[in-house]
């Protein structure tokens, strides 16, 4: 089962830059979050792959195939996705 985190973004999108910055802050604040690899996918550079996911606005974050958030995100939104990822991977590892 694919439970990777994918963050779709565009280079010149201010909300995307903020989401990526918030992700970096969370990963610096929490060593457990720092271990989580997040695929940052520029939809201009990976159009075909991005088109295979159902979303309309960036930034957009998926956990596996589940769309978690779309559009401007707050730190709490990204934290929620990281926590969900950790829960799912903990149950897989046990």
N, C-alpha and C. Protein backbone atom coordinates (compact mmCIF):
# COMPACT_ATOMS: atom_id res chain seq x y z
N UNK A 1 0.84 -1.19 0.00
CA UNK A 1 0.00 0.00 0.00
C UNK A 1 0.89 1.25 0.00
N UNK A 2 0.56 2.18 -0.87
CA UNK A 2 1.31 3.43 -0.95
C UNK A 2 0.80 4.37 0.14
N UNK A 3 1.64 4.65 1.12
CA UNK A 3 1.25 5.61 2.15
C UNK A 3 2.26 6.74 2.25
N UNK A 4 2.93 7.02 1.11
CA UNK A 4 3.87 8.13 1.07
C UNK A 4 3.13 9.46 1.09
N UNK A 5 3.82 10.49 1.56
CA UNK A 5 3.26 11.84 1.54
C UNK A 5 3.74 12.53 0.28
N UNK A 6 2.80 13.09 -0.47
CA UNK A 6 3.11 13.82 -1.68
C UNK A 6 2.58 15.24 -1.53
N UNK A 7 3.43 16.21 -1.79
CA UNK A 7 3.04 17.62 -1.73
C UNK A 7 3.19 18.20 -3.13
N UNK A 8 2.05 18.45 -3.76
CA UNK A 8 2.05 19.04 -5.10
C UNK A 8 2.13 20.55 -4.97
N UNK A 9 2.98 21.17 -5.79
CA UNK A 9 3.19 22.61 -5.69
C UNK A 9 3.60 23.18 -7.03
N UNK A 10 3.65 24.51 -7.08
CA UNK A 10 4.19 25.25 -8.21
C UNK A 10 5.26 26.21 -7.68
N UNK A 11 6.29 26.44 -8.47
CA UNK A 11 7.42 27.28 -8.03
C UNK A 11 7.00 28.68 -7.58
N UNK A 12 6.11 29.30 -8.33
CA UNK A 12 5.81 30.70 -8.07
C UNK A 12 4.54 30.90 -7.25
N UNK A 13 4.08 29.86 -6.60
CA UNK A 13 2.86 29.92 -5.78
C UNK A 13 3.25 30.28 -4.34
N UNK A 14 2.78 31.44 -3.83
CA UNK A 14 3.15 31.84 -2.47
C UNK A 14 2.62 30.88 -1.39
N UNK A 15 1.44 30.31 -1.61
CA UNK A 15 0.89 29.36 -0.63
C UNK A 15 1.70 28.06 -0.62
N UNK A 16 2.23 27.70 -1.78
CA UNK A 16 3.07 26.50 -1.87
C UNK A 16 4.38 26.71 -1.12
N UNK A 17 4.99 27.86 -1.33
CA UNK A 17 6.24 28.17 -0.63
C UNK A 17 6.02 28.15 0.88
N UNK A 18 4.90 28.70 1.32
CA UNK A 18 4.60 28.71 2.76
C UNK A 18 4.43 27.28 3.27
N UNK A 19 3.72 26.43 2.53
CA UNK A 19 3.51 25.05 2.95
C UNK A 19 4.85 24.31 3.07
N UNK A 20 5.73 24.50 2.09
CA UNK A 20 7.04 23.86 2.12
C UNK A 20 7.87 24.38 3.29
N UNK A 21 7.80 25.69 3.53
CA UNK A 21 8.52 26.28 4.67
C UNK A 21 7.99 25.73 6.00
N UNK A 22 6.66 25.63 6.13
CA UNK A 22 6.07 25.10 7.36
C UNK A 22 6.46 23.64 7.58
N UNK A 23 6.51 22.87 6.51
CA UNK A 23 6.95 21.48 6.60
C UNK A 23 8.38 21.44 7.14
N UNK A 24 9.25 22.28 6.62
CA UNK A 24 10.63 22.32 7.08
C UNK A 24 10.74 22.70 8.55
N UNK A 25 9.92 23.66 8.99
CA UNK A 25 9.92 24.07 10.39
C UNK A 25 9.48 22.90 11.28
N UNK A 26 8.41 22.23 10.89
CA UNK A 26 7.93 21.08 11.68
C UNK A 26 8.99 19.99 11.75
N UNK A 27 9.69 19.74 10.65
CA UNK A 27 10.71 18.70 10.64
C UNK A 27 11.92 19.09 11.48
N UNK A 28 12.19 20.37 11.62
CA UNK A 28 13.28 20.82 12.50
C UNK A 28 12.86 20.75 13.97
N UNK A 29 11.60 21.03 14.23
CA UNK A 29 11.10 21.03 15.61
C UNK A 29 10.95 19.63 16.20
N UNK A 30 10.66 18.65 15.34
CA UNK A 30 10.37 17.30 15.82
C UNK A 30 11.26 16.29 15.09
N UNK A 31 12.17 15.64 15.79
CA UNK A 31 13.06 14.67 15.14
C UNK A 31 12.31 13.52 14.45
N UNK A 32 11.15 13.15 14.98
CA UNK A 32 10.37 12.08 14.34
C UNK A 32 9.85 12.53 12.98
N UNK A 33 9.43 13.78 12.88
CA UNK A 33 8.97 14.32 11.59
C UNK A 33 10.12 14.41 10.60
N UNK A 34 11.32 14.68 11.11
CA UNK A 34 12.49 14.81 10.23
C UNK A 34 12.79 13.50 9.50
N UNK A 35 12.37 12.38 10.05
CA UNK A 35 12.61 11.08 9.44
C UNK A 35 11.63 10.79 8.28
N UNK A 36 10.58 11.57 8.19
CA UNK A 36 9.54 11.32 7.18
C UNK A 36 9.94 11.98 5.87
N UNK A 37 10.00 11.18 4.83
CA UNK A 37 10.30 11.71 3.50
C UNK A 37 8.99 12.18 2.85
N UNK A 38 9.00 13.42 2.43
CA UNK A 38 7.84 13.99 1.74
C UNK A 38 8.26 14.26 0.30
N UNK A 39 7.52 13.67 -0.63
CA UNK A 39 7.79 13.93 -2.04
C UNK A 39 7.22 15.30 -2.38
N UNK A 40 8.08 16.21 -2.80
CA UNK A 40 7.63 17.53 -3.23
C UNK A 40 7.60 17.50 -4.75
N UNK A 41 6.41 17.60 -5.31
CA UNK A 41 6.23 17.41 -6.75
C UNK A 41 5.79 18.72 -7.39
N UNK A 42 6.66 19.27 -8.22
CA UNK A 42 6.32 20.47 -8.99
C UNK A 42 5.43 20.01 -10.14
N UNK A 43 4.20 20.50 -10.15
CA UNK A 43 3.28 19.98 -11.17
C UNK A 43 3.65 20.43 -12.58
N UNK A 44 4.38 21.54 -12.73
CA UNK A 44 4.84 21.94 -14.07
C UNK A 44 5.89 20.96 -14.60
N UNK A 45 6.74 20.46 -13.72
CA UNK A 45 7.81 19.55 -14.13
C UNK A 45 7.35 18.09 -14.19
N UNK A 46 6.23 17.78 -13.56
CA UNK A 46 5.73 16.40 -13.49
C UNK A 46 4.24 16.38 -13.83
N UNK A 47 3.88 17.01 -14.95
CA UNK A 47 2.48 17.20 -15.30
C UNK A 47 1.71 15.89 -15.40
N UNK A 48 2.27 14.92 -16.06
CA UNK A 48 1.56 13.65 -16.25
C UNK A 48 1.28 12.97 -14.91
N UNK A 49 2.28 12.95 -14.04
CA UNK A 49 2.11 12.36 -12.70
C UNK A 49 1.09 13.16 -11.90
N UNK A 50 1.21 14.49 -11.92
CA UNK A 50 0.28 15.35 -11.19
C UNK A 50 -1.15 15.16 -11.69
N UNK A 51 -1.31 15.01 -12.99
CA UNK A 51 -2.65 14.82 -13.57
C UNK A 51 -3.29 13.51 -13.15
N UNK A 52 -2.50 12.58 -12.67
CA UNK A 52 -3.06 11.29 -12.24
C UNK A 52 -3.70 11.38 -10.85
N UNK A 53 -3.57 12.53 -10.20
CA UNK A 53 -4.17 12.76 -8.88
C UNK A 53 -5.33 13.75 -9.02
N UNK A 54 -6.35 13.55 -8.21
CA UNK A 54 -7.57 14.36 -8.29
C UNK A 54 -7.48 15.56 -7.36
N UNK A 55 -7.05 16.68 -7.90
CA UNK A 55 -7.02 17.93 -7.15
C UNK A 55 -7.10 19.09 -8.14
N UNK A 56 -7.46 20.25 -7.62
CA UNK A 56 -7.62 21.42 -8.48
C UNK A 56 -6.70 22.57 -8.10
N UNK A 57 -6.31 22.66 -6.82
CA UNK A 57 -5.53 23.78 -6.33
C UNK A 57 -4.24 23.30 -5.67
N UNK A 58 -3.21 24.14 -5.75
CA UNK A 58 -1.97 23.88 -5.04
C UNK A 58 -1.81 24.93 -3.96
N UNK A 59 -1.12 24.61 -2.90
CA UNK A 59 -0.54 23.30 -2.63
C UNK A 59 -1.62 22.26 -2.34
N UNK A 60 -1.28 21.04 -2.60
CA UNK A 60 -2.18 19.93 -2.29
C UNK A 60 -1.33 18.80 -1.72
N UNK A 61 -1.82 18.21 -0.63
CA UNK A 61 -1.03 17.17 0.03
C UNK A 61 -1.85 15.88 0.12
N UNK A 62 -1.21 14.80 -0.28
CA UNK A 62 -1.82 13.47 -0.25
C UNK A 62 -1.05 12.59 0.72
N UNK A 63 -1.77 11.74 1.40
CA UNK A 63 -1.19 10.66 2.18
C UNK A 63 -1.60 9.39 1.47
N UNK A 64 -0.66 8.78 0.79
CA UNK A 64 -0.99 7.67 -0.09
C UNK A 64 -1.87 8.20 -1.22
N UNK A 65 -3.04 7.64 -1.36
CA UNK A 65 -3.98 8.07 -2.40
C UNK A 65 -5.05 9.01 -1.85
N UNK A 66 -5.00 9.28 -0.55
CA UNK A 66 -6.01 10.14 0.10
C UNK A 66 -5.60 11.60 0.07
N UNK A 67 -6.46 12.43 -0.49
CA UNK A 67 -6.21 13.87 -0.46
C UNK A 67 -6.49 14.35 0.95
N UNK A 68 -5.48 14.97 1.59
CA UNK A 68 -5.61 15.43 2.97
C UNK A 68 -5.96 16.91 3.04
N UNK A 69 -5.29 17.73 2.23
CA UNK A 69 -5.55 19.18 2.22
C UNK A 69 -5.27 19.71 0.83
N UNK A 70 -6.03 20.73 0.47
CA UNK A 70 -5.87 21.37 -0.84
C UNK A 70 -6.03 22.88 -0.65
N UNK A 71 -5.09 23.63 -1.19
CA UNK A 71 -5.13 25.09 -1.04
C UNK A 71 -4.23 25.52 0.10
N UNK A 72 -4.37 26.78 0.50
CA UNK A 72 -3.53 27.34 1.56
C UNK A 72 -3.62 26.49 2.82
N UNK A 73 -2.46 26.19 3.41
CA UNK A 73 -2.41 25.32 4.59
C UNK A 73 -1.80 26.05 5.76
N UNK A 74 -2.23 25.62 6.94
CA UNK A 74 -1.65 26.11 8.19
C UNK A 74 -0.70 25.04 8.72
N UNK A 75 0.13 25.44 9.66
CA UNK A 75 1.08 24.52 10.28
C UNK A 75 0.36 23.31 10.86
N UNK A 76 -0.80 23.54 11.47
CA UNK A 76 -1.57 22.45 12.09
C UNK A 76 -2.03 21.43 11.05
N UNK A 77 -2.35 21.90 9.84
CA UNK A 77 -2.79 20.99 8.77
C UNK A 77 -1.66 20.03 8.39
N UNK A 78 -0.47 20.58 8.23
CA UNK A 78 0.68 19.75 7.85
C UNK A 78 1.05 18.81 8.99
N UNK A 79 0.99 19.31 10.21
CA UNK A 79 1.27 18.48 11.39
C UNK A 79 0.30 17.30 11.44
N UNK A 80 -0.96 17.55 11.14
CA UNK A 80 -1.96 16.48 11.14
C UNK A 80 -1.57 15.37 10.15
N UNK A 81 -1.13 15.76 8.96
CA UNK A 81 -0.73 14.77 7.94
C UNK A 81 0.47 13.97 8.42
N UNK A 82 1.46 14.64 8.99
CA UNK A 82 2.64 13.94 9.51
C UNK A 82 2.26 12.98 10.63
N UNK A 83 1.36 13.41 11.51
CA UNK A 83 0.90 12.54 12.60
C UNK A 83 0.15 11.32 12.05
N UNK A 84 -0.69 11.54 11.05
CA UNK A 84 -1.42 10.43 10.43
C UNK A 84 -0.45 9.44 9.77
N UNK A 85 0.55 9.96 9.11
CA UNK A 85 1.57 9.12 8.50
C UNK A 85 2.24 8.26 9.55
N UNK A 86 2.62 8.89 10.68
CA UNK A 86 3.30 8.14 11.75
C UNK A 86 2.37 7.07 12.32
N UNK A 87 1.10 7.38 12.52
CA UNK A 87 0.14 6.38 13.03
C UNK A 87 0.04 5.18 12.09
N UNK A 88 -0.09 5.48 10.81
CA UNK A 88 -0.23 4.41 9.82
C UNK A 88 1.02 3.55 9.73
N UNK A 89 2.18 4.18 9.78
CA UNK A 89 3.43 3.41 9.69
C UNK A 89 3.71 2.64 10.98
N UNK A 90 3.27 3.16 12.10
CA UNK A 90 3.44 2.45 13.36
C UNK A 90 2.63 1.16 13.34
N UNK A 91 1.39 1.24 12.82
CA UNK A 91 0.55 0.03 12.78
C UNK A 91 1.08 -0.97 11.75
N UNK A 92 1.74 -0.49 10.68
CA UNK A 92 2.32 -1.37 9.67
C UNK A 92 3.52 -2.10 10.25
N UNK A 93 4.30 -1.39 11.07
CA UNK A 93 5.54 -1.96 11.63
C UNK A 93 5.29 -2.94 12.75
N UNK A 94 4.11 -2.94 13.36
CA UNK A 94 3.83 -3.84 14.49
C UNK A 94 3.26 -5.15 14.07
